[in-house]
């Protein structure tokens, strides 16, 4: 295991709030902690969606250029739906938000036709609260009666390894309900009306078990349950002058009839 700094949320009197674009407007009292983060590649038993809540899977995309909006819309979206159906056995998969590209050099969010370009979120968070996830699943559910649903995030880096700002994931079995703090996720997209939804930020708990995957490349896909705390972090083991990490993520809902 290696020690890295992860940014938790500290005590606050105001409701936490964070912005997709202008981080200077964030209302977050960050609580930096040095924690052990295990390389998932070193585990004798690879992490799984059923156990830890995340898994690394091989997946060679037919996308040639991840900066091409048309390819992301026409090729990548359907690919993601297929791979999540195969991994979960779901009857149908619905993409529930625009794909998001992130680089450690991006300082402002821009909205393309089919996706967003945004900065990495370097504080521990959960993308959606239970209330948000339930409402979103109800809005997007298929007409066929369903028995259950689950939200997932599918994350890929398309820059060459190593990554100076990889993604750390917390084994959701090590998380307590008292660790989670409701927060407002603000979508301040230039040229669009500001909107928000409820996400979660996370308090430090020494019981948390963290992992990341070293040296990820474009033919790998990191799939995790959306209820799982995660964060970008600075990889201090990287050599100097490593190119900025570039990644793309898609959130999707799996439904079972």
C-alpha atoms as a PDB file:
ATOM      1  CA  UNK A   1       0.000   0.000   0.000  1.00  0.00           C
ATOM      2  CA  UNK A   2       1.040   3.610  -0.625  1.00  0.00           C
ATOM      3  CA  UNK A   3       0.146   6.717   1.338  1.00  0.00           C
ATOM      4  CA  UNK A   4      -1.643   9.489  -0.551  1.00  0.00           C
ATOM      5  CA  UNK A   5      -3.546  12.620   0.438  1.00  0.00           C
ATOM      6  CA  UNK A   6      -7.317  12.474  -0.025  1.00  0.00           C
ATOM      7  CA  UNK A   7      -9.569  15.452   0.650  1.00  0.00           C
ATOM      8  CA  UNK A   8     -12.500  14.659   2.927  1.00  0.00           C
ATOM      9  CA  UNK A   9     -15.101  17.133   4.224  1.00  0.00           C
ATOM     10  CA  UNK A  10     -14.575  18.706   7.641  1.00  0.00           C
ATOM     11  CA  UNK A  11     -17.081  20.218  10.106  1.00  0.00           C
ATOM     12  CA  UNK A  12     -19.373  22.809   8.530  1.00  0.00           C
ATOM     13  CA  UNK A  13     -22.284  24.961   9.673  1.00  0.00           C
ATOM     14  CA  UNK A  14     -23.486  25.670   6.120  1.00  0.00           C
ATOM     15  CA  UNK A  15     -24.750  23.045   3.716  1.00  0.00           C
ATOM     16  CA  UNK A  16     -21.852  21.905   1.485  1.00  0.00           C
ATOM     17  CA  UNK A  17     -21.994  23.061  -2.125  1.00  0.00           C
ATOM     18  CA  UNK A  18     -19.684  22.467  -5.065  1.00  0.00           C
ATOM     19  CA  UNK A  19     -19.660  23.710  -8.649  1.00  0.00           C
ATOM     20  CA  UNK A  20     -18.922  21.783 -11.828  1.00  0.00           C
ATOM     21  CA  UNK A  21     -17.267  24.816 -13.431  1.00  0.00           C
ATOM     22  CA  UNK A  22     -16.144  27.544 -11.042  1.00  0.00           C
ATOM     23  CA  UNK A  23     -14.443  25.859  -8.084  1.00  0.00           C
ATOM     24  CA  UNK A  24     -13.796  29.247  -6.479  1.00  0.00           C
ATOM     25  CA  UNK A  25     -17.497  29.283  -5.561  1.00  0.00           C
ATOM     26  CA  UNK A  26     -17.346  25.960  -3.692  1.00  0.00           C
ATOM     27  CA  UNK A  27     -18.608  25.944  -0.122  1.00  0.00           C
ATOM     28  CA  UNK A  28     -16.494  23.058   1.200  1.00  0.00           C
ATOM     29  CA  UNK A  29     -14.405  22.865   4.367  1.00  0.00           C
ATOM     30  CA  UNK A  30     -11.888  20.305   3.144  1.00  0.00           C
ATOM     31  CA  UNK A  31     -10.201  17.964   5.605  1.00  0.00           C
ATOM     32  CA  UNK A  32      -7.030  16.576   3.919  1.00  0.00           C
ATOM     33  CA  UNK A  33      -5.986  13.170   5.246  1.00  0.00           C
ATOM     34  CA  UNK A  34      -3.026  10.924   4.473  1.00  0.00           C
ATOM     35  CA  UNK A  35      -4.466   7.449   3.920  1.00  0.00           C
ATOM     36  CA  UNK A  36      -3.360   4.078   2.600  1.00  0.00           C
ATOM     37  CA  UNK A  37      -4.499   3.453  -0.974  1.00  0.00           C
ATOM     38  CA  UNK A  38      -3.955  -0.087  -2.243  1.00  0.00           C
ATOM     39  CA  UNK A  39      -3.161  -0.822  -5.864  1.00  0.00           C
ATOM     40  CA  UNK A  40      -6.063  -2.999  -6.990  1.00  0.00           C
ATOM     41  CA  UNK A  41      -3.744  -4.817  -9.386  1.00  0.00           C
ATOM     42  CA  UNK A  42      -1.807  -6.233  -6.437  1.00  0.00           C
ATOM     43  CA  UNK A  43      -4.790  -7.975  -4.836  1.00  0.00           C
ATOM     44  CA  UNK A  44      -4.827 -11.759  -5.003  1.00  0.00           C
ATOM     45  CA  UNK A  45      -8.574 -11.583  -5.609  1.00  0.00           C
ATOM     46  CA  UNK A  46      -9.444  -8.754  -8.007  1.00  0.00           C
ATOM     47  CA  UNK A  47     -12.058  -6.297  -6.701  1.00  0.00           C
ATOM     48  CA  UNK A  48     -15.593  -6.975  -7.941  1.00  0.00           C
ATOM     49  CA  UNK A  49     -18.882  -5.152  -8.282  1.00  0.00           C
ATOM     50  CA  UNK A  50     -20.490  -7.678  -5.947  1.00  0.00           C
ATOM     51  CA  UNK A  51     -17.922  -7.317  -3.142  1.00  0.00           C
ATOM     52  CA  UNK A  52     -16.102  -3.964  -3.070  1.00  0.00           C
ATOM     53  CA  UNK A  53     -18.533  -2.269  -5.469  1.00  0.00           C
ATOM     54  CA  UNK A  54     -16.017  -1.682  -8.290  1.00  0.00           C
ATOM     55  CA  UNK A  55     -14.173  -3.687 -10.911  1.00  0.00           C
ATOM     56  CA  UNK A  56     -11.587  -3.164 -13.627  1.00  0.00           C
ATOM     57  CA  UNK A  57     -12.436  -4.872 -16.890  1.00  0.00           C
ATOM     58  CA  UNK A  58     -10.705  -5.142 -20.248  1.00  0.00           C
ATOM     59  CA  UNK A  59     -12.633  -3.330 -22.969  1.00  0.00           C
ATOM     60  CA  UNK A  60     -11.237  -2.174 -26.293  1.00  0.00           C
ATOM     61  CA  UNK A  61     -13.404   0.647 -27.577  1.00  0.00           C
ATOM     62  CA  UNK A  62     -14.077   1.190 -31.253  1.00  0.00           C
ATOM     63  CA  UNK A  63     -13.697   4.924 -30.632  1.00  0.00           C
ATOM     64  CA  UNK A  64     -10.660   6.234 -32.470  1.00  0.00           C
ATOM     65  CA  UNK A  65     -10.605   9.754 -31.007  1.00  0.00           C
ATOM     66  CA  UNK A  66     -12.108  10.412 -27.572  1.00  0.00           C
ATOM     67  CA  UNK A  67     -12.081  14.138 -28.275  1.00  0.00           C
ATOM     68  CA  UNK A  68     -14.511  13.626 -31.171  1.00  0.00           C
ATOM     69  CA  UNK A  69     -18.054  14.419 -30.013  1.00  0.00           C
ATOM     70  CA  UNK A  70     -19.708  12.447 -32.825  1.00  0.00           C
ATOM     71  CA  UNK A  71     -17.791   9.287 -31.958  1.00  0.00           C
ATOM     72  CA  UNK A  72     -18.702   9.631 -28.297  1.00  0.00           C
ATOM     73  CA  UNK A  73     -22.384  10.043 -29.151  1.00  0.00           C
ATOM     74  CA  UNK A  74     -22.714   7.430 -31.879  1.00  0.00           C
ATOM     75  CA  UNK A  75     -20.137   4.804 -30.870  1.00  0.00           C
ATOM     76  CA  UNK A  76     -19.187   5.109 -27.218  1.00  0.00           C
ATOM     77  CA  UNK A  77     -22.663   5.409 -25.700  1.00  0.00           C
ATOM     78  CA  UNK A  78     -23.965   2.162 -27.240  1.00  0.00           C
ATOM     79  CA  UNK A  79     -20.701   0.415 -26.308  1.00  0.00           C
ATOM     80  CA  UNK A  80     -21.151   1.380 -22.669  1.00  0.00           C
ATOM     81  CA  UNK A  81     -24.731   0.140 -22.639  1.00  0.00           C
ATOM     82  CA  UNK A  82     -23.638  -3.230 -24.018  1.00  0.00           C
ATOM     83  CA  UNK A  83     -20.745  -3.695 -21.622  1.00  0.00           C
ATOM     84  CA  UNK A  84     -22.858  -2.837 -18.573  1.00  0.00           C
ATOM     85  CA  UNK A  85     -25.597  -5.235 -19.649  1.00  0.00           C
ATOM     86  CA  UNK A  86     -22.962  -7.968 -20.017  1.00  0.00           C
ATOM     87  CA  UNK A  87     -21.389  -7.219 -16.617  1.00  0.00           C
ATOM     88  CA  UNK A  88     -24.625  -7.013 -14.632  1.00  0.00           C
ATOM     89  CA  UNK A  89     -27.111  -9.151 -16.520  1.00  0.00           C
ATOM     90  CA  UNK A  90     -29.494  -6.186 -16.632  1.00  0.00           C
ATOM     91  CA  UNK A  91     -32.402  -6.275 -19.062  1.00  0.00           C
ATOM     92  CA  UNK A  92     -31.900  -2.683 -20.155  1.00  0.00           C
ATOM     93  CA  UNK A  93     -29.316   0.046 -19.559  1.00  0.00           C
ATOM     94  CA  UNK A  94     -30.123   3.747 -19.856  1.00  0.00           C
ATOM     95  CA  UNK A  95     -27.442   6.445 -19.972  1.00  0.00           C
ATOM     96  CA  UNK A  96     -28.631   9.020 -17.450  1.00  0.00           C
ATOM     97  CA  UNK A  97     -26.358  12.009 -18.030  1.00  0.00           C
ATOM     98  CA  UNK A  98     -24.064  13.465 -20.659  1.00  0.00           C
ATOM     99  CA  UNK A  99     -20.638  11.860 -20.893  1.00  0.00           C
ATOM    100  CA  UNK A 100     -17.959  13.893 -19.098  1.00  0.00           C
ATOM    101  CA  UNK A 101     -14.371  14.326 -20.240  1.00  0.00           C
ATOM    102  CA  UNK A 102     -11.886  15.485 -17.613  1.00  0.00           C
ATOM    103  CA  UNK A 103      -8.259  16.560 -17.738  1.00  0.00           C
ATOM    104  CA  UNK A 104      -6.058  17.873 -14.968  1.00  0.00           C
ATOM    105  CA  UNK A 105      -5.367  20.915 -17.166  1.00  0.00           C
ATOM    106  CA  UNK A 106      -9.025  21.863 -17.662  1.00  0.00           C
ATOM    107  CA  UNK A 107      -9.932  24.878 -15.530  1.00  0.00           C
ATOM    108  CA  UNK A 108     -13.364  25.736 -16.968  1.00  0.00           C
ATOM    109  CA  UNK A 109     -16.334  23.585 -17.881  1.00  0.00           C
ATOM    110  CA  UNK A 110     -17.690  23.739 -21.413  1.00  0.00           C
ATOM    111  CA  UNK A 111     -20.781  22.077 -22.846  1.00  0.00           C
ATOM    112  CA  UNK A 112     -20.464  20.407 -26.221  1.00  0.00           C
ATOM    113  CA  UNK A 113     -23.422  18.952 -28.087  1.00  0.00           C
ATOM    114  CA  UNK A 114     -23.143  15.542 -26.502  1.00  0.00           C
ATOM    115  CA  UNK A 115     -20.853  15.862 -23.508  1.00  0.00           C
ATOM    116  CA  UNK A 116     -19.159  18.081 -20.949  1.00  0.00           C
ATOM    117  CA  UNK A 117     -15.493  18.927 -20.481  1.00  0.00           C
ATOM    118  CA  UNK A 118     -14.708  19.407 -16.791  1.00  0.00           C
ATOM    119  CA  UNK A 119     -11.971  19.507 -14.187  1.00  0.00           C
ATOM    120  CA  UNK A 120     -11.352  16.460 -11.959  1.00  0.00           C
ATOM    121  CA  UNK A 121     -13.155  16.467  -8.602  1.00  0.00           C
ATOM    122  CA  UNK A 122     -10.364  16.111  -6.043  1.00  0.00           C
ATOM    123  CA  UNK A 123     -12.508  15.715  -2.932  1.00  0.00           C
ATOM    124  CA  UNK A 124     -14.197  12.558  -1.669  1.00  0.00           C
ATOM    125  CA  UNK A 125     -17.779  12.452  -2.886  1.00  0.00           C
ATOM    126  CA  UNK A 126     -20.683  10.291  -4.012  1.00  0.00           C
ATOM    127  CA  UNK A 127     -22.193  11.387  -7.310  1.00  0.00           C
ATOM    128  CA  UNK A 128     -25.850  11.055  -6.278  1.00  0.00           C
ATOM    129  CA  UNK A 129     -27.723  10.923  -2.997  1.00  0.00           C
ATOM    130  CA  UNK A 130     -30.276   8.137  -2.572  1.00  0.00           C
ATOM    131  CA  UNK A 131     -33.091  10.603  -3.153  1.00  0.00           C
ATOM    132  CA  UNK A 132     -31.543  11.875  -6.393  1.00  0.00           C
ATOM    133  CA  UNK A 133     -30.777   8.361  -7.628  1.00  0.00           C
ATOM    134  CA  UNK A 134     -34.318   7.142  -6.925  1.00  0.00           C
ATOM    135  CA  UNK A 135     -35.956  10.127  -8.617  1.00  0.00           C
ATOM    136  CA  UNK A 136     -33.690   9.847 -11.663  1.00  0.00           C
ATOM    137  CA  UNK A 137     -34.366   6.121 -12.025  1.00  0.00           C
ATOM    138  CA  UNK A 138     -38.119   6.771 -11.836  1.00  0.00           C
ATOM    139  CA  UNK A 139     -37.907   9.457 -14.520  1.00  0.00           C
ATOM    140  CA  UNK A 140     -35.928   7.279 -16.939  1.00  0.00           C
ATOM    141  CA  UNK A 141     -37.420   3.852 -16.213  1.00  0.00           C
ATOM    142  CA  UNK A 142     -38.645   1.790 -19.168  1.00  0.00           C
ATOM    143  CA  UNK A 143     -42.368   1.251 -19.650  1.00  0.00           C
ATOM    144  CA  UNK A 144     -42.011  -2.439 -18.798  1.00  0.00           C
ATOM    145  CA  UNK A 145     -42.500  -3.020 -15.028  1.00  0.00           C
ATOM    146  CA  UNK A 146     -39.146  -3.390 -13.288  1.00  0.00           C
ATOM    147  CA  UNK A 147     -38.069  -5.340 -10.204  1.00  0.00           C
ATOM    148  CA  UNK A 148     -34.931  -3.338  -9.371  1.00  0.00           C
ATOM    149  CA  UNK A 149     -32.420  -0.818 -10.642  1.00  0.00           C
ATOM    150  CA  UNK A 150     -28.844   0.266  -9.899  1.00  0.00           C
ATOM    151  CA  UNK A 151     -26.720   3.269 -10.885  1.00  0.00           C
ATOM    152  CA  UNK A 152     -23.184   2.851 -12.236  1.00  0.00           C
ATOM    153  CA  UNK A 153     -20.294   5.038 -13.318  1.00  0.00           C
ATOM    154  CA  UNK A 154     -18.043   3.789 -16.141  1.00  0.00           C
ATOM    155  CA  UNK A 155     -14.645   5.543 -16.175  1.00  0.00           C
ATOM    156  CA  UNK A 156     -11.831   5.285 -18.704  1.00  0.00           C
ATOM    157  CA  UNK A 157      -8.536   7.080 -19.053  1.00  0.00           C
ATOM    158  CA  UNK A 158      -7.361   7.647 -22.616  1.00  0.00           C
ATOM    159  CA  UNK A 159      -4.050   9.332 -21.803  1.00  0.00           C
ATOM    160  CA  UNK A 160      -0.905   7.220 -21.627  1.00  0.00           C
ATOM    161  CA  UNK A 161       0.093   5.782 -18.233  1.00  0.00           C
ATOM    162  CA  UNK A 162       1.102   6.592 -15.596  1.00  0.00           C
ATOM    163  CA  UNK A 163      -1.658   8.960 -14.481  1.00  0.00           C
ATOM    164  CA  UNK A 164      -0.666  11.933 -12.348  1.00  0.00           C
ATOM    165  CA  UNK A 165      -4.260  12.215 -11.092  1.00  0.00           C
ATOM    166  CA  UNK A 166      -5.890   8.764 -10.999  1.00  0.00           C
ATOM    167  CA  UNK A 167      -9.173   7.796  -9.383  1.00  0.00           C
ATOM    168  CA  UNK A 168      -9.372   6.324  -5.873  1.00  0.00           C
ATOM    169  CA  UNK A 169     -12.379   4.240  -4.858  1.00  0.00           C
ATOM    170  CA  UNK A 170     -13.598   3.315  -1.394  1.00  0.00           C
ATOM    171  CA  UNK A 171     -14.872  -0.210  -0.677  1.00  0.00           C
ATOM    172  CA  UNK A 172     -18.511   0.597   0.029  1.00  0.00           C
ATOM    173  CA  UNK A 173     -18.648  -2.094   2.757  1.00  0.00           C
ATOM    174  CA  UNK A 174     -16.282   0.077   4.823  1.00  0.00           C
ATOM    175  CA  UNK A 175     -18.552   3.140   4.655  1.00  0.00           C
ATOM    176  CA  UNK A 176     -21.037   4.067   7.397  1.00  0.00           C
ATOM    177  CA  UNK A 177     -24.163   6.126   6.844  1.00  0.00           C
ATOM    178  CA  UNK A 178     -22.832   8.699   9.309  1.00  0.00           C
ATOM    179  CA  UNK A 179     -19.849   9.335   6.984  1.00  0.00           C
ATOM    180  CA  UNK A 180     -22.117  10.781   4.293  1.00  0.00           C
ATOM    181  CA  UNK A 181     -23.154  14.432   4.169  1.00  0.00           C
ATOM    182  CA  UNK A 182     -25.825  15.790   1.834  1.00  0.00           C
ATOM    183  CA  UNK A 183     -24.549  18.486  -0.512  1.00  0.00           C
ATOM    184  CA  UNK A 184     -25.668  20.545  -3.499  1.00  0.00           C
ATOM    185  CA  UNK A 185     -23.954  19.697  -6.783  1.00  0.00           C
ATOM    186  CA  UNK A 186     -24.208  22.877  -8.852  1.00  0.00           C
ATOM    187  CA  UNK A 187     -24.224  22.692 -12.647  1.00  0.00           C
ATOM    188  CA  UNK A 188     -22.958  26.147 -13.573  1.00  0.00           C
ATOM    189  CA  UNK A 189     -22.495  25.522 -17.270  1.00  0.00           C
ATOM    190  CA  UNK A 190     -21.567  28.675 -19.195  1.00  0.00           C
ATOM    191  CA  UNK A 191     -24.424  29.814 -21.392  1.00  0.00           C
ATOM    192  CA  UNK A 192     -27.016  27.669 -19.619  1.00  0.00           C
ATOM    193  CA  UNK A 193     -29.361  28.257 -16.703  1.00  0.00           C
ATOM    194  CA  UNK A 194     -27.748  27.167 -13.429  1.00  0.00           C
ATOM    195  CA  UNK A 195     -29.200  23.962 -11.978  1.00  0.00           C
ATOM    196  CA  UNK A 196     -28.442  21.632  -9.097  1.00  0.00           C
ATOM    197  CA  UNK A 197     -29.046  18.171  -7.722  1.00  0.00           C
ATOM    198  CA  UNK A 198     -28.252  16.502  -4.410  1.00  0.00           C
ATOM    199  CA  UNK A 199     -24.972  14.634  -4.093  1.00  0.00           C
ATOM    200  CA  UNK A 200     -22.934  13.597  -1.062  1.00  0.00           C
ATOM    201  CA  UNK A 201     -19.570  14.548   0.404  1.00  0.00           C
ATOM    202  CA  UNK A 202     -17.778  12.299   2.858  1.00  0.00           C
ATOM    203  CA  UNK A 203     -16.329  12.613   6.369  1.00  0.00           C
ATOM    204  CA  UNK A 204     -13.078  10.881   7.271  1.00  0.00           C
ATOM    205  CA  UNK A 205     -13.392   7.427   8.815  1.00  0.00           C
ATOM    206  CA  UNK A 206     -10.263   5.349   9.562  1.00  0.00           C
ATOM    207  CA  UNK A 207     -12.239   2.228   8.623  1.00  0.00           C
ATOM    208  CA  UNK A 208     -12.403   3.270   4.956  1.00  0.00           C
ATOM    209  CA  UNK A 209     -10.555   0.922   2.599  1.00  0.00           C
ATOM    210  CA  UNK A 210      -9.224   2.677  -0.512  1.00  0.00           C
ATOM    211  CA  UNK A 211      -7.957   1.321  -3.833  1.00  0.00           C
ATOM    212  CA  UNK A 212      -6.810   2.594  -7.204  1.00  0.00           C
ATOM    213  CA  UNK A 213      -5.455   0.931 -10.328  1.00  0.00           C
ATOM    214  CA  UNK A 214      -1.968   1.903 -11.416  1.00  0.00           C
ATOM    215  CA  UNK A 215      -1.061   2.432 -15.048  1.00  0.00           C
ATOM    216  CA  UNK A 216      -4.567   2.350 -16.497  1.00  0.00           C
ATOM    217  CA  UNK A 217      -4.755   2.612 -20.278  1.00  0.00           C
ATOM    218  CA  UNK A 218      -7.434   3.215 -22.888  1.00  0.00           C
ATOM    219  CA  UNK A 219      -8.304  -0.485 -23.307  1.00  0.00           C
ATOM    220  CA  UNK A 220      -9.490  -0.780 -19.690  1.00  0.00           C
ATOM    221  CA  UNK A 221     -12.764   0.305 -18.129  1.00  0.00           C
ATOM    222  CA  UNK A 222     -13.296   0.998 -14.426  1.00  0.00           C
ATOM    223  CA  UNK A 223     -16.895   0.271 -13.447  1.00  0.00           C
ATOM    224  CA  UNK A 224     -18.244   1.229 -10.029  1.00  0.00           C
ATOM    225  CA  UNK A 225     -21.548   1.589  -8.246  1.00  0.00           C
ATOM    226  CA  UNK A 226     -22.588   5.216  -8.072  1.00  0.00           C
ATOM    227  CA  UNK A 227     -23.208   4.921  -4.305  1.00  0.00           C
ATOM    228  CA  UNK A 228     -19.481   4.432  -3.809  1.00  0.00           C
ATOM    229  CA  UNK A 229     -17.245   7.274  -2.484  1.00  0.00           C
ATOM    230  CA  UNK A 230     -14.456   8.202  -4.883  1.00  0.00           C
ATOM    231  CA  UNK A 231     -12.059  11.024  -5.662  1.00  0.00           C
ATOM    232  CA  UNK A 232      -9.295  12.124  -7.965  1.00  0.00           C
ATOM    233  CA  UNK A 233      -5.964  12.496  -6.152  1.00  0.00           C
ATOM    234  CA  UNK A 234      -2.393  13.534  -6.840  1.00  0.00           C
ATOM    235  CA  UNK A 235      -0.210  10.504  -7.533  1.00  0.00           C
ATOM    236  CA  UNK A 236       3.065  11.521  -5.885  1.00  0.00           C
ATOM    237  CA  UNK A 237       4.814   8.397  -7.221  1.00  0.00           C
ATOM    238  CA  UNK A 238       4.596   9.715 -10.814  1.00  0.00           C
ATOM    239  CA  UNK A 239       7.821  10.899 -12.433  1.00  0.00           C
ATOM    240  CA  UNK A 240       8.020  14.608 -13.298  1.00  0.00           C
ATOM    241  CA  UNK A 241       6.638  15.968 -16.576  1.00  0.00           C
ATOM    242  CA  UNK A 242       3.984  13.260 -16.958  1.00  0.00           C
ATOM    243  CA  UNK A 243       1.307  14.398 -19.461  1.00  0.00           C
ATOM    244  CA  UNK A 244      -2.010  15.453 -17.891  1.00  0.00           C
ATOM    245  CA  UNK A 245      -4.478  12.672 -17.247  1.00  0.00           C
ATOM    246  CA  UNK A 246      -7.396  12.662 -19.701  1.00  0.00           C
ATOM    247  CA  UNK A 247     -10.467  10.564 -18.958  1.00  0.00           C
ATOM    248  CA  UNK A 248     -14.081  10.072 -19.931  1.00  0.00           C
ATOM    249  CA  UNK A 249     -16.928   8.869 -17.746  1.00  0.00           C
ATOM    250  CA  UNK A 250     -20.554   7.939 -18.283  1.00  0.00           C
ATOM    251  CA  UNK A 251     -23.234   7.394 -15.652  1.00  0.00           C
ATOM    252  CA  UNK A 252     -25.876   4.803 -16.452  1.00  0.00           C
ATOM    253  CA  UNK A 253     -28.813   3.034 -14.826  1.00  0.00           C
ATOM    254  CA  UNK A 254     -29.287  -0.729 -15.116  1.00  0.00           C
ATOM    255  CA  UNK A 255     -32.851  -2.080 -14.856  1.00  0.00           C
ATOM    256  CA  UNK A 256     -34.044  -5.615 -14.276  1.00  0.00           C
ATOM    257  CA  UNK A 257     -37.549  -6.788 -15.213  1.00  0.00           C
END
